[in-house]
C-alpha cells in the first residue's frame, strides 16, 4: 500500500499518462477496493469486540445509536474528502489516512487493555470442542 501511495504521488506530480488515461487511475482503483475491504474488516472487529463485552440488554440499548452515528459520520466524511484533498493535496490526504489508522490501532489496543483490567475481556465463544 505504501508503495502504491508513493507511485500515486509521483505519477500525479509528473502527470504520467498511459495512453490518454492518467496512470493514477490504474493505481487508485485497486486501492479503493482494498480500502473498502479493509474498512469492512475493521468494522467487523469493532462490532465483534462490542458484542463480546456487552450484555444483550446493553447491546440493544447501544448498538442502534452507535450504528446511526457511524452512518452519519461516514456520510459527513464522504462529503469532506474532496474539499480536504483539494486543500492538502493527495499526499496530505494519504498521510491523514495513515494517521487516522494509527490512532484507530492505538484506541483498539487501549480498549482491549481496559477490558483486561476490568475483567470483561472478550471470550472465545467459537472455539471448537
Foldseek 3Di string as FASTA:
>chain_A
DVVLLVVLVVQVVVVDDDVPHRPNVVSVVVVVVVVVVVVVVVVVVVVLFVVQQDDPVVCVVPVVVVVVVVVVVVVVVVVVVVVVCVVLNSSRSVVVVVVVVVVVVVVVVVVQVVCVVVVRHGDDPPDDD
